Amino acid sequence: KKIYYKVESLSREIRRLTQRLNSLENQLVSGLTVIPEFTKYFTNR
């Protein structure tokens, strides 16, 4: 059970990192530099 929960946790982290990697690759291909912190900062202002 401990191993199962560890594998589940690692699988979730792999999915999150894969999504992040895909986002960064898309930014490189498109030439866009997306910085969520800047988007939030300026949207609030």
All heavy atoms as atom14 arrays in JSON, in Angstrom:
{
  "sequence": "KKIYYKVESLSREIRRLTQRLNSLENQLVSGLTVIPEFTKYFTNR",
  "atom14_mask": [
    [1, 1, 1, 1, 1, 1, 1, 1, 1, 0, 0, 0, 0, 0],
    [1, 1, 1, 1, 1, 1, 1, 1, 1, 0, 0, 0, 0, 0],
    [1, 1, 1, 1, 1, 1, 1, 1, 0, 0, 0, 0, 0, 0],
    [1, 1, 1, 1, 1, 1, 1, 1, 1, 1, 1, 1, 0, 0],
    [1, 1, 1, 1, 1, 1, 1, 1, 1, 1, 1, 1, 0, 0],
    [1, 1, 1, 1, 1, 1, 1, 1, 1, 0, 0, 0, 0, 0],
    [1, 1, 1, 1, 1, 1, 1, 0, 0, 0, 0, 0, 0, 0],
    [1, 1, 1, 1, 1, 1, 1, 1, 1, 0, 0, 0, 0, 0],
    [1, 1, 1, 1, 1, 1, 0, 0, 0, 0, 0, 0, 0, 0],
    [1, 1, 1, 1, 1, 1, 1, 1, 0, 0, 0, 0, 0, 0],
    [1, 1, 1, 1, 1, 1, 0, 0, 0, 0, 0, 0, 0, 0],
    [1, 1, 1, 1, 1, 1, 1, 1, 1, 1, 1, 0, 0, 0],
    [1, 1, 1, 1, 1, 1, 1, 1, 1, 0, 0, 0, 0, 0],
    [1, 1, 1, 1, 1, 1, 1, 1, 0, 0, 0, 0, 0, 0],
    [1, 1, 1, 1, 1, 1, 1, 1, 1, 1, 1, 0, 0, 0],
    [1, 1, 1, 1, 1, 1, 1, 1, 1, 1, 1, 0, 0, 0],
    [1, 1, 1, 1, 1, 1, 1, 1, 0, 0, 0, 0, 0, 0],
    [1, 1, 1, 1, 1, 1, 1, 0, 0, 0, 0, 0, 0, 0],
    [1, 1, 1, 1, 1, 1, 1, 1, 1, 0, 0, 0, 0, 0],
    [1, 1, 1, 1, 1, 1, 1, 1, 1, 1, 1, 0, 0, 0],
    [1, 1, 1, 1, 1, 1, 1, 1, 0, 0, 0, 0, 0, 0],
    [1, 1, 1, 1, 1, 1, 1, 1, 0, 0, 0, 0, 0, 0],
    [1, 1, 1, 1, 1, 1, 0, 0, 0, 0, 0, 0, 0, 0],
    [1, 1, 1, 1, 1, 1, 1, 1, 0, 0, 0, 0, 0, 0],
    [1, 1, 1, 1, 1, 1, 1, 1, 1, 0, 0, 0, 0, 0],
    [1, 1, 1, 1, 1, 1, 1, 1, 0, 0, 0, 0, 0, 0],
    [1, 1, 1, 1, 1, 1, 1, 1, 1, 0, 0, 0, 0, 0],
    [1, 1, 1, 1, 1, 1, 1, 1, 0, 0, 0, 0, 0, 0],
    [1, 1, 1, 1, 1, 1, 1, 0, 0, 0, 0, 0, 0, 0],
    [1, 1, 1, 1, 1, 1, 0, 0, 0, 0, 0, 0, 0, 0],
    [1, 1, 1, 1, 0, 0, 0, 0, 0, 0, 0, 0, 0, 0],
    [1, 1, 1, 1, 1, 1, 1, 1, 0, 0, 0, 0, 0, 0],
    [1, 1, 1, 1, 1, 1, 1, 0, 0, 0, 0, 0, 0, 0],
    [1, 1, 1, 1, 1, 1, 1, 0, 0, 0, 0, 0, 0, 0],
    [1, 1, 1, 1, 1, 1, 1, 1, 0, 0, 0, 0, 0, 0],
    [1, 1, 1, 1, 1, 1, 1, 0, 0, 0, 0, 0, 0, 0],
    [1, 1, 1, 1, 1, 1, 1, 1, 1, 0, 0, 0, 0, 0],
    [1, 1, 1, 1, 1, 1, 1, 1, 1, 1, 1, 0, 0, 0],
    [1, 1, 1, 1, 1, 1, 1, 0, 0, 0, 0, 0, 0, 0],
    [1, 1, 1, 1, 1, 1, 1, 1, 1, 0, 0, 0, 0, 0],
    [1, 1, 1, 1, 1, 1, 1, 1, 1, 1, 1, 1, 0, 0],
    [1, 1, 1, 1, 1, 1, 1, 1, 1, 1, 1, 0, 0, 0],
    [1, 1, 1, 1, 1, 1, 1, 0, 0, 0, 0, 0, 0, 0],
    [1, 1, 1, 1, 1, 1, 1, 1, 0, 0, 0, 0, 0, 0],
    [1, 1, 1, 1, 1, 1, 1, 1, 1, 1, 1, 0, 0, 0]
  ],
  "atom14_positions": [
    [[0.84, -1.21, 0.0], [0.0, 0.0, 0.0], [0.87, 1.25, 0.0], [0.59, 2.21, -0.71], [-0.94, 0.01, 1.19], [-2.14, -0.89, 1.02], [-3.1, -0.75, 2.19], [-4.32, -1.61, 1.95], [-5.31, -1.47, 3.01], [0.0, 0.0, 0.0], [0.0, 0.0, 0.0], [0.0, 0.0, 0.0], [0.0, 0.0, 0.0], [0.0, 0.0, 0.0]],
    [[1.93, 1.24, 0.81], [2.85, 2.38, 0.84], [3.48, 2.61, -0.53], [3.58, 3.74, -1.01], [3.94, 2.18, 1.89], [3.47, 2.35, 3.31], [4.63, 2.15, 4.28], [4.16, 2.26, 5.71], [5.27, 2.03, 6.67], [0.0, 0.0, 0.0], [0.0, 0.0, 0.0], [0.0, 0.0, 0.0], [0.0, 0.0, 0.0], [0.0, 0.0, 0.0]],
    [[3.89, 1.52, -1.16], [4.49, 1.62, -2.5], [3.46, 2.14, -3.49], [3.76, 3.0, -4.32], [5.06, 0.26, -2.94], [6.27, -0.11, -2.09], [5.42, 0.27, -4.43], [6.76, -1.53, -2.27], [0.0, 0.0, 0.0], [0.0, 0.0, 0.0], [0.0, 0.0, 0.0], [0.0, 0.0, 0.0], [0.0, 0.0, 0.0], [0.0, 0.0, 0.0]],
    [[2.23, 1.65, -3.4], [1.16, 2.09, -4.3], [0.94, 3.6, -4.18], [0.87, 4.31, -5.18], [-0.13, 1.34, -3.98], [-1.33, 1.86, -4.73], [-1.54, 1.5, -6.06], [-2.22, 2.73, -4.13], [-2.63, 1.99, -6.76], [-3.31, 3.23, -4.82], [-3.51, 2.86, -6.13], [-4.58, 3.36, -6.82], [0.0, 0.0, 0.0], [0.0, 0.0, 0.0]],
    [[0.84, 4.11, -2.95], [0.61, 5.54, -2.75], [1.8, 6.37, -3.23], [1.63, 7.46, -3.77], [0.28, 5.84, -1.29], [-1.09, 5.34, -0.89], [-1.24, 4.44, 0.14], [-2.24, 5.74, -1.58], [-2.5, 3.95, 0.5], [-3.49, 5.27, -1.23], [-3.61, 4.37, -0.2], [-4.85, 3.91, 0.15], [0.0, 0.0, 0.0], [0.0, 0.0, 0.0]],
    [[2.98, 5.86, -3.05], [4.18, 6.55, -3.53], [4.16, 6.63, -5.06], [4.44, 7.68, -5.64], [5.43, 5.8, -3.05], [6.72, 6.48, -3.37], [7.01, 7.55, -2.39], [8.1, 7.14, -1.45], [8.47, 8.26, -0.58], [0.0, 0.0, 0.0], [0.0, 0.0, 0.0], [0.0, 0.0, 0.0], [0.0, 0.0, 0.0], [0.0, 0.0, 0.0]],
    [[3.8, 5.52, -5.72], [3.71, 5.49, -7.19], [2.64, 6.46, -7.68], [2.85, 7.2, -8.65], [3.45, 4.05, -7.69], [3.07, 4.05, -9.16], [4.66, 3.17, -7.45], [0.0, 0.0, 0.0], [0.0, 0.0, 0.0], [0.0, 0.0, 0.0], [0.0, 0.0, 0.0], [0.0, 0.0, 0.0], [0.0, 0.0, 0.0], [0.0, 0.0, 0.0]],
    [[1.49, 6.49, -6.99], [0.43, 7.43, -7.37], [0.91, 8.87, -7.25], [0.66, 9.69, -8.13], [-0.81, 7.21, -6.49], [-1.61, 6.01, -6.86], [-2.22, 6.14, -8.24], [-2.85, 7.16, -8.55], [-2.04, 5.18, -9.03], [0.0, 0.0, 0.0], [0.0, 0.0, 0.0], [0.0, 0.0, 0.0], [0.0, 0.0, 0.0], [0.0, 0.0, 0.0]],
    [[1.6, 9.18, -6.18], [2.12, 10.53, -5.97], [3.13, 10.89, -7.07], [3.09, 12.0, -7.63], [2.77, 10.62, -4.6], [3.38, 11.86, -4.41], [0.0, 0.0, 0.0], [0.0, 0.0, 0.0], [0.0, 0.0, 0.0], [0.0, 0.0, 0.0], [0.0, 0.0, 0.0], [0.0, 0.0, 0.0], [0.0, 0.0, 0.0], [0.0, 0.0, 0.0]],
    [[4.01, 9.98, -7.37], [5.0, 10.23, -8.42], [4.34, 10.38, -9.79], [4.76, 11.21, -10.6], [6.04, 9.1, -8.45], [6.99, 9.07, -7.25], [7.81, 7.78, -7.26], [7.89, 10.28, -7.22], [0.0, 0.0, 0.0], [0.0, 0.0, 0.0], [0.0, 0.0, 0.0], [0.0, 0.0, 0.0], [0.0, 0.0, 0.0], [0.0, 0.0, 0.0]],
    [[3.29, 9.62, -10.04], [2.57, 9.72, -11.32], [1.93, 11.1, -11.46], [1.98, 11.7, -12.53], [1.5, 8.63, -11.41], [2.08, 7.37, -11.49], [0.0, 0.0, 0.0], [0.0, 0.0, 0.0], [0.0, 0.0, 0.0], [0.0, 0.0, 0.0], [0.0, 0.0, 0.0], [0.0, 0.0, 0.0], [0.0, 0.0, 0.0], [0.0, 0.0, 0.0]],
    [[1.34, 11.6, -10.38], [0.74, 12.95, -10.43], [1.8, 14.0, -10.7], [1.61, 14.92, -11.5], [0.01, 13.26, -9.12], [-1.34, 12.61, -8.98], [-2.14, 13.16, -7.8], [-1.47, 13.01, -6.52], [-1.51, 11.91, -5.77], [-2.19, 10.86, -6.17], [-0.87, 11.88, -4.62], [0.0, 0.0, 0.0], [0.0, 0.0, 0.0], [0.0, 0.0, 0.0]],
    [[2.95, 13.86, -10.05], [4.04, 14.82, -10.25], [4.58, 14.74, -11.67], [4.87, 15.77, -12.29], [5.16, 14.55, -9.23], [6.28, 15.55, -9.27], [5.86, 16.96, -8.85], [4.76, 17.17, -8.35], [6.68, 17.87, -9.07], [0.0, 0.0, 0.0], [0.0, 0.0, 0.0], [0.0, 0.0, 0.0], [0.0, 0.0, 0.0], [0.0, 0.0, 0.0]],
    [[4.68, 13.56, -12.23], [5.13, 13.4, -13.63], [4.15, 14.08, -14.57], [4.55, 14.77, -15.51], [5.32, 11.92, -13.98], [6.57, 11.39, -13.28], [5.41, 11.71, -15.49], [6.73, 9.88, -13.35], [0.0, 0.0, 0.0], [0.0, 0.0, 0.0], [0.0, 0.0, 0.0], [0.0, 0.0, 0.0], [0.0, 0.0, 0.0], [0.0, 0.0, 0.0]],
    [[2.83, 13.91, -14.33], [1.82, 14.58, -15.18], [1.96, 16.09, -15.1], [1.92, 16.79, -16.11], [0.42, 14.14, -14.79], [0.04, 12.76, -15.3], [-1.46, 12.47, -15.14], [-1.89, 12.44, -13.76], [-1.82, 11.38, -12.95], [-1.32, 10.25, -13.41], [-2.26, 11.44, -11.71], [0.0, 0.0, 0.0], [0.0, 0.0, 0.0], [0.0, 0.0, 0.0]],
    [[2.14, 16.62, -13.86], [2.29, 18.07, -13.68], [3.53, 18.58, -14.41], [3.49, 19.59, -15.12], [2.38, 18.41, -12.19], [2.37, 19.91, -11.9], [2.65, 20.19, -10.43], [4.02, 19.9, -10.06], [5.07, 20.68, -10.34], [4.91, 21.79, -11.03], [6.28, 20.35, -9.94], [0.0, 0.0, 0.0], [0.0, 0.0, 0.0], [0.0, 0.0, 0.0]],
    [[4.64, 17.88, -14.27], [5.89, 18.3, -14.91], [5.8, 18.17, -16.44], [6.35, 19.01, -17.16], [7.06, 17.49, -14.37], [7.44, 17.8, -12.92], [8.46, 16.79, -12.4], [7.94, 19.22, -12.77], [0.0, 0.0, 0.0], [0.0, 0.0, 0.0], [0.0, 0.0, 0.0], [0.0, 0.0, 0.0], [0.0, 0.0, 0.0], [0.0, 0.0, 0.0]],
    [[5.1, 17.16, -16.92], [4.91, 17.01, -18.36], [4.1, 18.18, -18.92], [4.45, 18.72, -19.97], [4.2, 15.67, -18.67], [5.02, 14.6, -18.19], [3.96, 15.49, -20.15], [0.0, 0.0, 0.0], [0.0, 0.0, 0.0], [0.0, 0.0, 0.0], [0.0, 0.0, 0.0], [0.0, 0.0, 0.0], [0.0, 0.0, 0.0], [0.0, 0.0, 0.0]],
    [[3.05, 18.58, -18.21], [2.27, 19.74, -18.65], [3.13, 21.0, -18.67], [3.06, 21.8, -19.6], [1.06, 19.95, -17.74], [0.0, 18.9, -17.9], [-1.13, 19.06, -16.88], [-0.98, 19.74, -15.86], [-2.24, 18.4, -17.14], [0.0, 0.0, 0.0], [0.0, 0.0, 0.0], [0.0, 0.0, 0.0], [0.0, 0.0, 0.0], [0.0, 0.0, 0.0]],
    [[3.95, 21.18, -17.64], [4.83, 22.36, -17.58], [5.83, 22.34, -18.73], [6.07, 23.36, -19.36], [5.55, 22.37, -16.23], [6.49, 23.52, -16.04], [5.77, 24.84, -15.89], [6.73, 25.88, -15.64], [6.7, 27.06, -16.24], [5.75, 27.37, -17.06], [7.62, 27.96, -15.98], [0.0, 0.0, 0.0], [0.0, 0.0, 0.0], [0.0, 0.0, 0.0]],
    [[6.41, 21.18, -18.98], [7.36, 21.05, -20.09], [6.7, 21.36, -21.42], [7.26, 22.09, -22.24], [7.96, 19.64, -20.11], [8.94, 19.34, -21.23], [10.16, 20.25, -21.15], [9.36, 17.89, -21.18], [0.0, 0.0, 0.0], [0.0, 0.0, 0.0], [0.0, 0.0, 0.0], [0.0, 0.0, 0.0], [0.0, 0.0, 0.0], [0.0, 0.0, 0.0]],
    [[5.49, 20.85, -21.63], [4.77, 21.13, -22.87], [4.51, 22.63, -23.02], [4.63, 23.19, -24.11], [3.46, 20.35, -22.93], [3.67, 18.88, -23.13], [4.71, 18.45, -23.64], [2.7, 18.07, -22.73], [0.0, 0.0, 0.0], [0.0, 0.0, 0.0], [0.0, 0.0, 0.0], [0.0, 0.0, 0.0], [0.0, 0.0, 0.0], [0.0, 0.0, 0.0]],
    [[4.15, 23.28, -21.92], [3.91, 24.72, -21.96], [5.18, 25.48, -22.33], [5.15, 26.38, -23.17], [3.4, 25.19, -20.6], [3.32, 26.59, -20.54], [0.0, 0.0, 0.0], [0.0, 0.0, 0.0], [0.0, 0.0, 0.0], [0.0, 0.0, 0.0], [0.0, 0.0, 0.0], [0.0, 0.0, 0.0], [0.0, 0.0, 0.0], [0.0, 0.0, 0.0]],
    [[6.3, 25.1, -21.74], [7.57, 25.77, -22.05], [7.98, 25.51, -23.5], [8.48, 26.43, -24.17], [8.66, 25.3, -21.08], [8.49, 25.75, -19.64], [9.48, 25.03, -18.74], [8.63, 27.25, -19.52], [0.0, 0.0, 0.0], [0.0, 0.0, 0.0], [0.0, 0.0, 0.0], [0.0, 0.0, 0.0], [0.0, 0.0, 0.0], [0.0, 0.0, 0.0]],
    [[7.78, 24.3, -23.98], [8.09, 24.01, -25.39], [7.24, 24.85, -26.32], [7.73, 25.38, -27.31], [7.89, 22.52, -25.68], [8.97, 21.64, -25.1], [8.69, 20.15, -25.31], [7.53, 19.76, -25.55], [9.66, 19.38, -25.23], [0.0, 0.0, 0.0], [0.0, 0.0, 0.0], [0.0, 0.0, 0.0], [0.0, 0.0, 0.0], [0.0, 0.0, 0.0]],
    [[5.95, 24.99, -26.0], [5.06, 25.82, -26.83], [5.51, 27.28, -26.82], [5.44, 27.96, -27.85], [3.62, 25.71, -26.34], [3.0, 24.37, -26.64], [3.44, 23.67, -27.55], [2.0, 24.0, -25.89], [0.0, 0.0, 0.0], [0.0, 0.0, 0.0], [0.0, 0.0, 0.0], [0.0, 0.0, 0.0], [0.0, 0.0, 0.0], [0.0, 0.0, 0.0]],
    [[5.97, 27.76, -25.67], [6.46, 29.13, -25.6], [7.69, 29.31, -26.49], [7.82, 30.32, -27.18], [6.79, 29.51, -24.16], [5.59, 29.68, -23.28], [5.98, 29.99, -21.85], [6.93, 30.72, -21.6], [5.25, 29.42, -20.91], [0.0, 0.0, 0.0], [0.0, 0.0, 0.0], [0.0, 0.0, 0.0], [0.0, 0.0, 0.0], [0.0, 0.0, 0.0]],
    [[8.59, 28.34, -26.47], [9.78, 28.42, -27.31], [9.42, 28.42, -28.79], [9.96, 29.2, -29.57], [10.72, 27.26, -27.02], [11.55, 27.37, -25.75], [12.31, 26.07, -25.51], [12.51, 28.53, -25.83], [0.0, 0.0, 0.0], [0.0, 0.0, 0.0], [0.0, 0.0, 0.0], [0.0, 0.0, 0.0], [0.0, 0.0, 0.0], [0.0, 0.0, 0.0]],
    [[8.51, 27.55, -29.16], [8.11, 27.45, -30.57], [7.41, 28.73, -31.03], [7.67, 29.24, -32.11], [7.19, 26.22, -30.78], [6.54, 26.24, -32.15], [7.99, 24.94, -30.6], [0.0, 0.0, 0.0], [0.0, 0.0, 0.0], [0.0, 0.0, 0.0], [0.0, 0.0, 0.0], [0.0, 0.0, 0.0], [0.0, 0.0, 0.0], [0.0, 0.0, 0.0]],
    [[6.53, 29.26, -30.18], [5.75, 30.43, -30.57], [6.52, 31.74, -30.41], [6.14, 32.76, -30.98], [4.46, 30.51, -29.74], [4.76, 30.8, -28.39], [0.0, 0.0, 0.0], [0.0, 0.0, 0.0], [0.0, 0.0, 0.0], [0.0, 0.0, 0.0], [0.0, 0.0, 0.0], [0.0, 0.0, 0.0], [0.0, 0.0, 0.0], [0.0, 0.0, 0.0]],
    [[7.58, 31.71, -29.6], [8.32, 32.93, -29.34], [7.7, 33.78, -28.24], [8.2, 34.84, -27.91], [0.0, 0.0, 0.0], [0.0, 0.0, 0.0], [0.0, 0.0, 0.0], [0.0, 0.0, 0.0], [0.0, 0.0, 0.0], [0.0, 0.0, 0.0], [0.0, 0.0, 0.0], [0.0, 0.0, 0.0], [0.0, 0.0, 0.0], [0.0, 0.0, 0.0]],
    [[6.59, 33.31, -27.65], [5.93, 34.04, -26.57], [6.61, 33.72, -25.25], [7.0, 32.59, -25.0], [4.47, 33.65, -26.45], [3.57, 33.93, -27.64], [2.17, 33.4, -27.37], [3.52, 35.41, -27.94], [0.0, 0.0, 0.0], [0.0, 0.0, 0.0], [0.0, 0.0, 0.0], [0.0, 0.0, 0.0], [0.0, 0.0, 0.0], [0.0, 0.0, 0.0]],
    [[6.75, 34.73, -24.41], [7.26, 34.51, -23.07], [6.1, 34.74, -22.11], [5.75, 35.88, -21.83], [8.42, 35.46, -22.74], [9.44, 35.27, -23.71], [8.98, 35.19, -21.36], [0.0, 0.0, 0.0], [0.0, 0.0, 0.0], [0.0, 0.0, 0.0], [0.0, 0.0, 0.0], [0.0, 0.0, 0.0], [0.0, 0.0, 0.0], [0.0, 0.0, 0.0]],
    [[5.49, 33.67, -21.65], [4.36, 33.76, -20.74], [4.88, 33.73, -19.31], [5.59, 32.8, -18.93], [3.38, 32.59, -20.98], [2.21, 32.65, -20.01], [2.89, 32.6, -22.42], [0.0, 0.0, 0.0], [0.0, 0.0, 0.0], [0.0, 0.0, 0.0], [0.0, 0.0, 0.0], [0.0, 0.0, 0.0], [0.0, 0.0, 0.0], [0.0, 0.0, 0.0]],
    [[4.56, 34.78, -18.56], [4.97, 34.85, -17.15], [3.7, 35.1, -16.34], [3.23, 36.24, -16.24], [6.01, 35.96, -16.92], [7.23, 35.74, -17.84], [6.43, 36.01, -15.45], [8.26, 36.83, -17.8], [0.0, 0.0, 0.0], [0.0, 0.0, 0.0], [0.0, 0.0, 0.0], [0.0, 0.0, 0.0], [0.0, 0.0, 0.0], [0.0, 0.0, 0.0]],
    [[3.1, 34.03, -15.81], [1.82, 34.17, -15.1], [1.83, 35.22, -14.0], [0.82, 35.91, -13.78], [1.57, 32.78, -14.53], [2.38, 31.86, -15.38], [3.58, 32.65, -15.81], [0.0, 0.0, 0.0], [0.0, 0.0, 0.0], [0.0, 0.0, 0.0], [0.0, 0.0, 0.0], [0.0, 0.0, 0.0], [0.0, 0.0, 0.0], [0.0, 0.0, 0.0]],
    [[2.95, 35.37, -13.3], [3.03, 36.35, -12.23], [2.87, 37.77, -12.77], [2.22, 38.61, -12.15], [4.36, 36.23, -11.47], [4.52, 34.93, -10.71], [4.99, 33.77, -11.59], [5.32, 33.97, -12.78], [5.03, 32.64, -11.08], [0.0, 0.0, 0.0], [0.0, 0.0, 0.0], [0.0, 0.0, 0.0], [0.0, 0.0, 0.0], [0.0, 0.0, 0.0]],
    [[3.48, 38.04, -13.94], [3.33, 39.36, -14.57], [1.89, 39.56, -15.02], [1.32, 40.64, -14.85], [4.27, 39.51, -15.77], [5.71, 39.81, -15.41], [6.16, 39.86, -14.12], [6.62, 40.06, -16.42], [7.48, 40.14, -13.8], [7.95, 40.35, -16.14], [8.37, 40.39, -14.83], [0.0, 0.0, 0.0], [0.0, 0.0, 0.0], [0.0, 0.0, 0.0]],
    [[1.3, 38.54, -15.62], [-0.08, 38.64, -16.09], [-0.99, 39.01, -14.92], [-1.82, 39.93, -15.02], [-0.54, 37.32, -16.73], [0.34, 37.0, -17.8], [-1.95, 37.43, -17.26], [0.0, 0.0, 0.0], [0.0, 0.0, 0.0], [0.0, 0.0, 0.0], [0.0, 0.0, 0.0], [0.0, 0.0, 0.0], [0.0, 0.0, 0.0], [0.0, 0.0, 0.0]],
    [[-0.84, 38.32, -13.8], [-1.67, 38.59, -12.62], [-1.4, 39.99, -12.08], [-2.34, 40.74, -11.77], [-1.39, 37.54, -11.55], [-2.24, 37.69, -10.32], [-1.96, 36.59, -9.32], [-2.79, 36.78, -8.06], [-2.53, 35.75, -7.07], [0.0, 0.0, 0.0], [0.0, 0.0, 0.0], [0.0, 0.0, 0.0], [0.0, 0.0, 0.0], [0.0, 0.0, 0.0]],
    [[-0.12, 40.35, -11.97], [0.25, 41.66, -11.44], [-0.39, 42.79, -12.25], [-1.03, 43.68, -11.69], [1.77, 41.82, -11.43], [2.24, 43.16, -10.94], [2.44, 43.4, -9.58], [2.48, 44.2, -11.83], [2.87, 44.64, -9.13], [2.9, 45.44, -11.38], [3.1, 45.65, -10.04], [3.5, 46.88, -9.59], [0.0, 0.0, 0.0], [0.0, 0.0, 0.0]],
    [[-0.22, 42.74, -13.57], [-0.73, 43.83, -14.41], [-2.25, 43.8, -14.53], [-2.89, 44.85, -14.6], [-0.07, 43.8, -15.79], [1.37, 44.24, -15.77], [2.38, 43.36, -16.09], [1.71, 45.52, -15.41], [3.71, 43.76, -16.07], [3.03, 45.95, -15.38], [4.04, 45.06, -15.7], [0.0, 0.0, 0.0], [0.0, 0.0, 0.0], [0.0, 0.0, 0.0]],
    [[-2.84, 42.61, -14.54], [-4.3, 42.52, -14.6], [-4.92, 43.19, -13.38], [-5.93, 43.89, -13.49], [-4.74, 41.04, -14.69], [-4.2, 40.48, -15.89], [-6.25, 40.91, -14.7], [0.0, 0.0, 0.0], [0.0, 0.0, 0.0], [0.0, 0.0, 0.0], [0.0, 0.0, 0.0], [0.0, 0.0, 0.0], [0.0, 0.0, 0.0], [0.0, 0.0, 0.0]],
    [[-4.29, 43.01, -12.23], [-4.78, 43.64, -11.0], [-4.57, 45.15, -10.98], [-5.09, 45.84, -10.1], [-4.12, 43.02, -9.77], [-4.59, 41.62, -9.51], [-5.7, 41.25, -9.89], [-3.76, 40.81, -8.87], [0.0, 0.0, 0.0], [0.0, 0.0, 0.0], [0.0, 0.0, 0.0], [0.0, 0.0, 0.0], [0.0, 0.0, 0.0], [0.0, 0.0, 0.0]],
    [[-3.79, 45.67, -11.93], [-3.48, 47.1, -11.95], [-4.0, 47.81, -13.2], [-3.57, 48.91, -13.51], [-1.97, 47.3, -11.81], [-1.55, 47.08, -10.36], [-0.09, 46.83, -10.19], [0.23, 46.6, -8.79], [-0.01, 45.48, -8.13], [-0.57, 44.45, -8.74], [0.32, 45.35, -6.86], [0.0, 0.0, 0.0], [0.0, 0.0, 0.0], [0.0, 0.0, 0.0]]
  ]
}
